[in-house]
Protein backbone atom coordinates (compact mmCIF):
# COMPACT_ATOMS: atom_id res chain seq x y z
CA MET A 1 28.51 -13.79 24.58
CA LYS A 2 26.55 -17.00 24.88
CA LYS A 3 26.62 -19.56 22.09
CA VAL A 4 23.85 -19.83 19.49
CA ILE A 5 23.83 -22.60 16.87
CA VAL A 6 21.69 -21.95 13.79
CA PHE A 7 20.90 -25.27 11.98
CA GLN A 8 18.70 -23.83 9.25
CA GLU A 9 17.39 -20.46 8.14
CA LYS A 10 15.00 -19.79 5.26
CA GLN A 11 12.79 -17.04 4.11
CA VAL A 12 9.19 -18.34 4.02
CA PHE A 13 7.48 -15.09 3.06
CA ASP A 14 8.74 -12.11 1.00
CA ASN A 15 6.54 -9.13 0.14
CA PHE A 16 6.46 -5.68 1.79
CA PHE A 17 7.76 -7.56 4.95
CA LYS A 18 9.62 -10.75 5.27
CA ILE A 19 9.19 -13.80 7.55
CA ILE A 20 12.21 -16.00 8.18
CA GLU A 21 12.05 -19.42 9.72
CA VAL A 22 14.99 -20.42 11.86
CA GLU A 23 15.95 -23.67 13.52
CA LEU A 24 18.40 -23.12 16.38
CA SER A 25 19.71 -23.98 19.74
CA TYR A 26 21.12 -21.51 22.29
CA GLU A 27 23.20 -21.67 25.39
CA LYS A 28 20.98 -21.43 28.52
CA PHE A 29 21.98 -19.68 31.73
CA ASP A 30 23.10 -22.99 33.22
CA GLY A 31 25.60 -23.54 30.29
CA GLN A 32 23.55 -26.31 28.68
CA LEU A 33 22.27 -26.01 25.08
CA SER A 34 18.50 -25.62 24.64
CA PRO A 35 16.60 -28.24 22.71
CA ARG A 36 16.49 -27.51 18.93
CA LYS A 37 13.75 -24.94 18.37
CA ARG A 38 11.85 -23.57 15.37
CA LYS A 39 11.23 -19.82 15.55
CA LEU A 40 9.67 -17.32 13.06
CA ILE A 41 11.13 -13.85 12.70
CA PHE A 42 9.15 -10.91 11.32
CA ASP A 43 11.71 -8.84 9.43
CA ARG A 44 10.40 -5.38 8.55
CA GLY A 45 13.65 -3.43 8.56
CA ASN A 46 14.53 -0.63 11.00
CA SER A 47 12.76 2.69 11.53
CA ALA A 48 13.39 6.21 12.71
CA ALA A 49 11.01 8.33 14.80
CA ALA A 50 11.02 11.80 16.37
CA ILE A 51 9.29 13.66 19.16
CA ILE A 52 8.82 17.12 17.75
CA PHE A 53 8.36 20.36 19.63
CA ASN A 54 6.90 23.39 17.92
CA LYS A 55 8.64 26.44 19.56
CA GLY A 56 6.02 28.80 18.00
CA THR A 57 3.04 27.12 19.69
CA ASN A 58 4.81 25.46 22.65
CA LYS A 59 3.15 22.22 21.57
CA LEU A 60 4.25 18.75 20.49
CA LEU A 61 3.36 17.66 16.99
CA PHE A 62 1.82 14.39 16.33
CA ILE A 63 0.11 12.51 13.48
CA ASN A 64 -3.13 10.54 13.47
CA GLN A 65 -3.59 7.72 10.84
CA PHE A 66 -5.29 4.46 10.27
CA ARG A 67 -3.35 1.34 11.31
CA LEU A 68 -4.90 -1.99 10.17
CA PRO A 69 -3.12 -4.17 12.95
CA ALA A 70 -4.43 -1.71 15.56
CA TYR A 71 -7.96 -1.82 14.01
CA LYS A 72 -7.90 -5.68 14.26
CA LYS A 73 -7.36 -5.12 18.04
CA GLY A 74 -10.31 -2.66 18.25
CA GLU A 75 -8.51 0.64 17.75
CA GLY A 76 -7.77 1.74 14.19
CA TRP A 77 -6.67 5.36 14.20
CA LEU A 78 -3.64 6.05 16.34
CA ILE A 79 -1.95 9.20 17.52
CA GLU A 80 1.73 8.82 16.94
CA ILE A 81 4.96 10.66 16.63
CA VAL A 82 6.41 11.06 13.08
CA ALA A 83 8.13 7.86 12.07
CA GLY A 84 9.16 5.91 8.97
CA SER A 85 11.11 2.95 7.61
CA ILE A 86 14.83 3.49 6.91
CA GLN A 87 15.45 2.94 3.26
CA GLU A 88 18.45 0.97 1.96
CA GLY A 89 21.54 3.14 2.00
CA GLU A 90 19.84 5.76 4.15
CA SER A 91 20.88 6.77 7.69
CA SER A 92 18.23 7.01 10.35
CA ASP A 93 18.71 10.86 10.78
CA ILE A 94 18.16 11.34 6.99
CA THR A 95 15.06 9.15 7.23
CA ILE A 96 13.43 11.15 10.00
CA ILE A 97 14.22 14.47 8.16
CA ARG A 98 12.41 12.99 5.10
CA GLU A 99 9.46 11.75 7.09
CA VAL A 100 9.01 15.05 9.03
CA LYS A 101 8.76 16.79 5.58
CA GLU A 102 6.34 14.16 4.16
CA GLU A 103 4.09 13.75 7.26
CA ILE A 104 3.83 17.18 8.80
CA GLY A 105 5.47 19.54 6.22
CA TYR A 106 8.42 20.92 8.08
CA GLN A 107 11.92 21.41 6.69
CA THR A 108 14.34 20.42 9.53
CA GLU A 109 17.99 20.30 10.26
CA LYS A 110 20.01 17.50 11.95
CA PRO A 111 17.89 15.94 14.69
CA THR A 112 19.12 15.08 18.18
CA PHE A 113 19.54 11.44 18.81
CA ILE A 114 17.82 10.11 21.99
CA THR A 115 18.01 6.33 21.96
CA SER A 116 17.42 3.13 20.00
CA PHE A 117 15.06 0.34 21.13
CA PHE A 118 13.50 -2.92 19.87
CA VAL A 119 9.70 -2.84 19.18
CA SER A 120 8.87 -6.46 19.79
CA PRO A 121 12.19 -8.44 20.24
CA GLY A 122 10.39 -11.78 20.78
CA ALA A 123 9.17 -11.83 17.19
CA ALA A 124 10.43 -8.85 15.18
CA THR A 125 13.81 -7.60 14.08
CA GLU A 126 12.67 -3.90 13.97
CA LYS A 127 14.84 -1.44 15.95
CA ILE A 128 13.76 2.21 16.14
CA ASP A 129 16.18 5.19 16.36
CA LEU A 130 14.37 7.90 18.35
CA TYR A 131 15.24 11.57 17.85
CA TYR A 132 14.20 14.94 19.21
CA ILE A 133 13.43 17.88 16.83
CA GLU A 134 12.44 21.45 17.49
CA VAL A 135 10.63 23.35 14.73
CA SER A 136 9.35 26.87 14.29
CA PRO A 137 6.47 28.16 12.20
CA ASP A 138 8.82 29.53 9.49
CA GLN A 139 10.04 25.95 8.83
CA LYS A 140 6.63 24.77 7.64
CA LYS A 141 7.44 24.62 3.96
CA PHE A 142 5.29 21.81 2.66
CA ARG A 143 1.69 20.55 2.87
CA GLY A 144 2.42 17.49 5.10
CA GLY A 145 -0.33 14.89 5.49
CA GLY A 146 1.72 12.12 3.88
CA LEU A 147 2.56 11.14 0.35
CA VAL A 148 -0.25 10.83 -2.21
CA SER A 149 1.84 8.30 -4.10
CA GLU A 150 1.73 6.03 -0.95
CA ASP A 151 -1.95 6.77 -0.37
CA GLU A 152 -1.21 8.18 3.09
CA ASP A 153 -3.97 9.97 4.91
CA ILE A 154 -2.39 11.74 7.90
CA GLN A 155 -3.96 14.26 10.24
CA ILE A 156 -1.54 16.68 12.07
CA ILE A 157 -2.21 17.16 15.74
CA GLU A 158 -0.68 19.58 18.28
CA LEU A 159 -0.88 18.95 21.95
CA ASP A 160 0.73 20.52 24.96
CA ILE A 161 2.68 18.23 27.26
CA GLU A 162 -0.19 18.04 29.74
CA GLU A 163 -2.69 17.04 27.04
CA ALA A 164 -0.35 14.40 25.69
CA LEU A 165 0.26 12.92 29.20
CA ASP A 166 -3.57 12.91 29.80
CA LYS A 167 -3.94 11.06 26.55
CA ILE A 168 -1.49 8.47 27.70
CA LYS A 169 -3.37 8.14 31.02
CA ASN A 170 -6.74 7.85 29.33
CA GLN A 171 -5.32 5.29 26.71
CA GLU A 172 -5.90 7.65 23.81
CA ILE A 173 -2.17 7.49 23.04
CA ILE A 174 -1.22 3.70 23.05
CA ASP A 175 1.69 3.60 20.59
CA ALA A 176 4.99 2.59 22.34
CA LYS A 177 7.38 4.84 20.50
CA THR A 178 5.05 7.77 21.10
CA ILE A 179 4.77 7.07 24.83
CA ILE A 180 8.56 6.82 25.07
CA GLY A 181 9.06 10.05 23.23
CA ILE A 182 6.51 11.93 25.36
CA LEU A 183 7.93 10.62 28.59
CA TRP A 184 11.51 11.47 27.49
CA PHE A 185 10.34 15.06 26.59
CA LYS A 186 8.63 15.45 29.94
CA GLU A 187 11.77 14.35 31.75
CA LYS A 188 14.54 16.01 29.69
CA ILE A 189 13.02 19.08 28.13
CA PHE A 190 9.81 20.15 29.85
CA ARG A 191 10.14 19.49 33.56
CA LEU A 192 6.74 19.73 35.17
């Protein structure tokens, strides 16, 4: 592993998310150290997400909800796979089971792990653990739609794989974790 020297690190913002300022130097590919640099890191913790297939309808389950950062870029409401932040002391598989219950109302068992990936490694620490879950209509035990206590307003959407792929092509699905999940499902589960 290449060498990294951290001269100073301090938290400059602490609320729902954290921003950390770091002064560092790192070993370049030619073996020389980079000049001392100041970088900001957006620390929001890690998340878990799942591509969910409803065996009863042969469709994928998605959510639609308002996202302020997307709104600032001209979008607003995004079609996404179920996801949520991993709480302290919680494993990512437990997180996604909890989120599936809260967001779409299904009681699920142990999910199948697919992969982990960084969301925006140039600025953010967030890493997402992506899972695959199959549900059946008899597992729908709860209302879904998000938590009232968190003021969530979530619409549940079901799409077959062709509809989901069309929505990617037409830029109606533009969330990275959702695109990764759909493409994985197409390749590994539903071979067209």
